Amino acid sequence: MKTPPKNRFSRALRTARAARKISQEGFGEVSGRTYISQLERGERQATLSKIDDLATVLAVHPGSLVLLSYLPDRPTPDAVDRLLAQIRREALHLLAPDPAT
């Protein structure tokens, strides 16, 4: 079953937290356990500022949490590579100077 969009960040946060072996209480400097639990259950949505704080505790780039949110439910290394390639192409296109100016 495909993860609904609103729960993708929830899954990404749980995945990263488990990989780093950090408890919900381990985010105490940036958030309370209740808030982390609500994020992981999809009851709350994180702001960009909060994603930055969470990423700091997890020792990852905030973009990594967002990237994890957009991977398929059972990601493979190829899925990661494809998504990174797409993000790279799109970022370079958006940053390209406009020839009309």
C-alpha atoms as a PDB file:
ATOM      1  CA  MET A   1       0.000   0.000   0.000  1.00  0.00           C
ATOM      2  CA  LYS A   2       1.319   3.436  -0.940  1.00  0.00           C
ATOM      3  CA  THR A   3       1.902   5.884   1.911  1.00  0.00           C
ATOM      4  CA  PRO A   4      -0.474   8.871   1.753  1.00  0.00           C
ATOM      5  CA  PRO A   5       1.314  12.189   1.098  1.00  0.00           C
ATOM      6  CA  LYS A   6       0.535  13.606   4.542  1.00  0.00           C
ATOM      7  CA  ASN A   7       2.242  10.626   6.194  1.00  0.00           C
ATOM      8  CA  ARG A   8       5.398  10.595   4.077  1.00  0.00           C
ATOM      9  CA  PHE A   9       7.356  12.896   6.363  1.00  0.00           C
ATOM     10  CA  SER A  10       6.150  10.848   9.330  1.00  0.00           C
ATOM     11  CA  ARG A  11       7.661   7.737   7.784  1.00  0.00           C
ATOM     12  CA  ALA A  12      10.878   9.572   6.881  1.00  0.00           C
ATOM     13  CA  LEU A  13      11.324  10.859  10.425  1.00  0.00           C
ATOM     14  CA  ARG A  14      10.719   7.413  11.944  1.00  0.00           C
ATOM     15  CA  THR A  15      13.156   5.852   9.465  1.00  0.00           C
ATOM     16  CA  ALA A  16      15.896   8.404  10.160  1.00  0.00           C
ATOM     17  CA  ARG A  17      15.359   8.274  13.916  1.00  0.00           C
ATOM     18  CA  ALA A  18      15.595   4.470  13.932  1.00  0.00           C
ATOM     19  CA  ALA A  19      18.706   4.519  11.725  1.00  0.00           C
ATOM     20  CA  ARG A  20      20.400   6.992  14.080  1.00  0.00           C
ATOM     21  CA  LYS A  21      19.132   5.103  17.172  1.00  0.00           C
ATOM     22  CA  ILE A  22      17.680   8.266  18.687  1.00  0.00           C
ATOM     23  CA  SER A  23      14.657   8.074  20.968  1.00  0.00           C
ATOM     24  CA  GLN A  24      11.830  10.580  20.752  1.00  0.00           C
ATOM     25  CA  GLU A  25      13.199  12.032  23.972  1.00  0.00           C
ATOM     26  CA  GLY A  26      16.528  12.545  22.185  1.00  0.00           C
ATOM     27  CA  PHE A  27      15.033  15.562  20.408  1.00  0.00           C
ATOM     28  CA  GLY A  28      14.570  17.338  23.754  1.00  0.00           C
ATOM     29  CA  GLU A  29      16.739  20.311  22.807  1.00  0.00           C
ATOM     30  CA  VAL A  30      14.537  21.156  19.805  1.00  0.00           C
ATOM     31  CA  SER A  31      11.129  19.556  20.514  1.00  0.00           C
ATOM     32  CA  GLY A  32       9.173  17.703  23.130  1.00  0.00           C
ATOM     33  CA  ARG A  33       8.488  13.977  22.919  1.00  0.00           C
ATOM     34  CA  THR A  34       4.767  14.630  22.408  1.00  0.00           C
ATOM     35  CA  TYR A  35       5.435  16.812  19.344  1.00  0.00           C
ATOM     36  CA  ILE A  36       7.806  14.217  17.839  1.00  0.00           C
ATOM     37  CA  SER A  37       5.195  11.530  18.453  1.00  0.00           C
ATOM     38  CA  GLN A  38       2.537  13.665  16.752  1.00  0.00           C
ATOM     39  CA  LEU A  39       4.834  14.229  13.765  1.00  0.00           C
ATOM     40  CA  GLU A  40       5.496  10.501  13.488  1.00  0.00           C
ATOM     41  CA  ARG A  41       1.772   9.712  13.604  1.00  0.00           C
ATOM     42  CA  GLY A  42       0.999  12.330  10.945  1.00  0.00           C
ATOM     43  CA  GLU A  43      -1.046  14.422  13.373  1.00  0.00           C
ATOM     44  CA  ARG A  44       1.206  17.462  12.956  1.00  0.00           C
ATOM     45  CA  GLN A  45       3.132  18.861  10.002  1.00  0.00           C
ATOM     46  CA  ALA A  46       6.675  20.178  10.407  1.00  0.00           C
ATOM     47  CA  THR A  47       7.708  23.623   9.203  1.00  0.00           C
ATOM     48  CA  LEU A  48      10.960  24.078   7.282  1.00  0.00           C
ATOM     49  CA  SER A  49      12.483  25.567  10.414  1.00  0.00           C
ATOM     50  CA  LYS A  50      11.474  22.512  12.447  1.00  0.00           C
ATOM     51  CA  ILE A  51      12.792  20.144   9.757  1.00  0.00           C
ATOM     52  CA  ASP A  52      16.112  21.985  10.046  1.00  0.00           C
ATOM     53  CA  ASP A  53      16.104  21.497  13.838  1.00  0.00           C
ATOM     54  CA  LEU A  54      15.232  17.803  13.538  1.00  0.00           C
ATOM     55  CA  ALA A  55      17.923  17.273  10.906  1.00  0.00           C
ATOM     56  CA  THR A  56      20.499  18.853  13.207  1.00  0.00           C
ATOM     57  CA  VAL A  57      19.684  16.335  15.943  1.00  0.00           C
ATOM     58  CA  LEU A  58      19.781  13.497  13.393  1.00  0.00           C
ATOM     59  CA  ALA A  59      23.080  14.792  11.951  1.00  0.00           C
ATOM     60  CA  VAL A  60      21.700  14.821   8.402  1.00  0.00           C
ATOM     61  CA  HIS A  61      21.016  17.526   5.831  1.00  0.00           C
ATOM     62  CA  PRO A  62      17.383  18.725   6.035  1.00  0.00           C
ATOM     63  CA  GLY A  63      17.047  17.812   2.364  1.00  0.00           C
ATOM     64  CA  SER A  64      17.723  14.197   3.273  1.00  0.00           C
ATOM     65  CA  LEU A  65      14.566  14.104   5.388  1.00  0.00           C
ATOM     66  CA  VAL A  66      12.580  15.636   2.546  1.00  0.00           C
ATOM     67  CA  LEU A  67      14.144  13.218   0.045  1.00  0.00           C
ATOM     68  CA  LEU A  68      13.209  10.248   2.257  1.00  0.00           C
ATOM     69  CA  SER A  69       9.654  11.591   2.266  1.00  0.00           C
ATOM     70  CA  TYR A  70       9.397  11.223  -1.509  1.00  0.00           C
ATOM     71  CA  LEU A  71      10.870   7.758  -1.923  1.00  0.00           C
ATOM     72  CA  PRO A  72       8.594   4.785  -2.585  1.00  0.00           C
ATOM     73  CA  ASP A  73       7.407   2.706   0.365  1.00  0.00           C
ATOM     74  CA  ARG A  74      10.139   0.127  -0.215  1.00  0.00           C
ATOM     75  CA  PRO A  75      12.989   2.201  -1.620  1.00  0.00           C
ATOM     76  CA  THR A  76      15.912   0.704  -3.467  1.00  0.00           C
ATOM     77  CA  PRO A  77      19.294   2.326  -4.126  1.00  0.00           C
ATOM     78  CA  ASP A  78      18.119   2.841  -7.733  1.00  0.00           C
ATOM     79  CA  ALA A  79      15.042   4.719  -6.500  1.00  0.00           C
ATOM     80  CA  VAL A  80      17.295   7.010  -4.465  1.00  0.00           C
ATOM     81  CA  ASP A  81      19.553   7.572  -7.491  1.00  0.00           C
ATOM     82  CA  ARG A  82      16.591   8.365  -9.775  1.00  0.00           C
ATOM     83  CA  LEU A  83      15.097  10.850  -7.330  1.00  0.00           C
ATOM     84  CA  LEU A  84      18.453  12.547  -6.737  1.00  0.00           C
ATOM     85  CA  ALA A  85      19.017  12.797 -10.497  1.00  0.00           C
ATOM     86  CA  GLN A  86      15.577  14.350 -10.970  1.00  0.00           C
ATOM     87  CA  ILE A  87      16.185  16.850  -8.163  1.00  0.00           C
ATOM     88  CA  ARG A  88      19.585  17.751  -9.640  1.00  0.00           C
ATOM     89  CA  ARG A  89      18.141  18.288 -13.148  1.00  0.00           C
ATOM     90  CA  GLU A  90      15.307  20.420 -11.833  1.00  0.00           C
ATOM     91  CA  ALA A  91      17.553  22.510  -9.558  1.00  0.00           C
ATOM     92  CA  LEU A  92      20.019  23.194 -12.372  1.00  0.00           C
ATOM     93  CA  HIS A  93      17.166  24.140 -14.700  1.00  0.00           C
ATOM     94  CA  LEU A  94      15.673  26.502 -12.119  1.00  0.00           C
ATOM     95  CA  LEU A  95      19.068  28.101 -11.481  1.00  0.00           C
ATOM     96  CA  ALA A  96      19.951  28.534 -15.163  1.00  0.00           C
ATOM     97  CA  PRO A  97      20.119  32.170 -16.210  1.00  0.00           C
ATOM     98  CA  ASP A  98      17.131  33.324 -18.211  1.00  0.00           C
ATOM     99  CA  PRO A  99      18.427  34.068 -21.751  1.00  0.00           C
ATOM    100  CA  ALA A 100      15.683  36.697 -22.169  1.00  0.00           C
ATOM    101  CA  THR A 101      17.226  38.951 -19.510  1.00  0.00           C
END
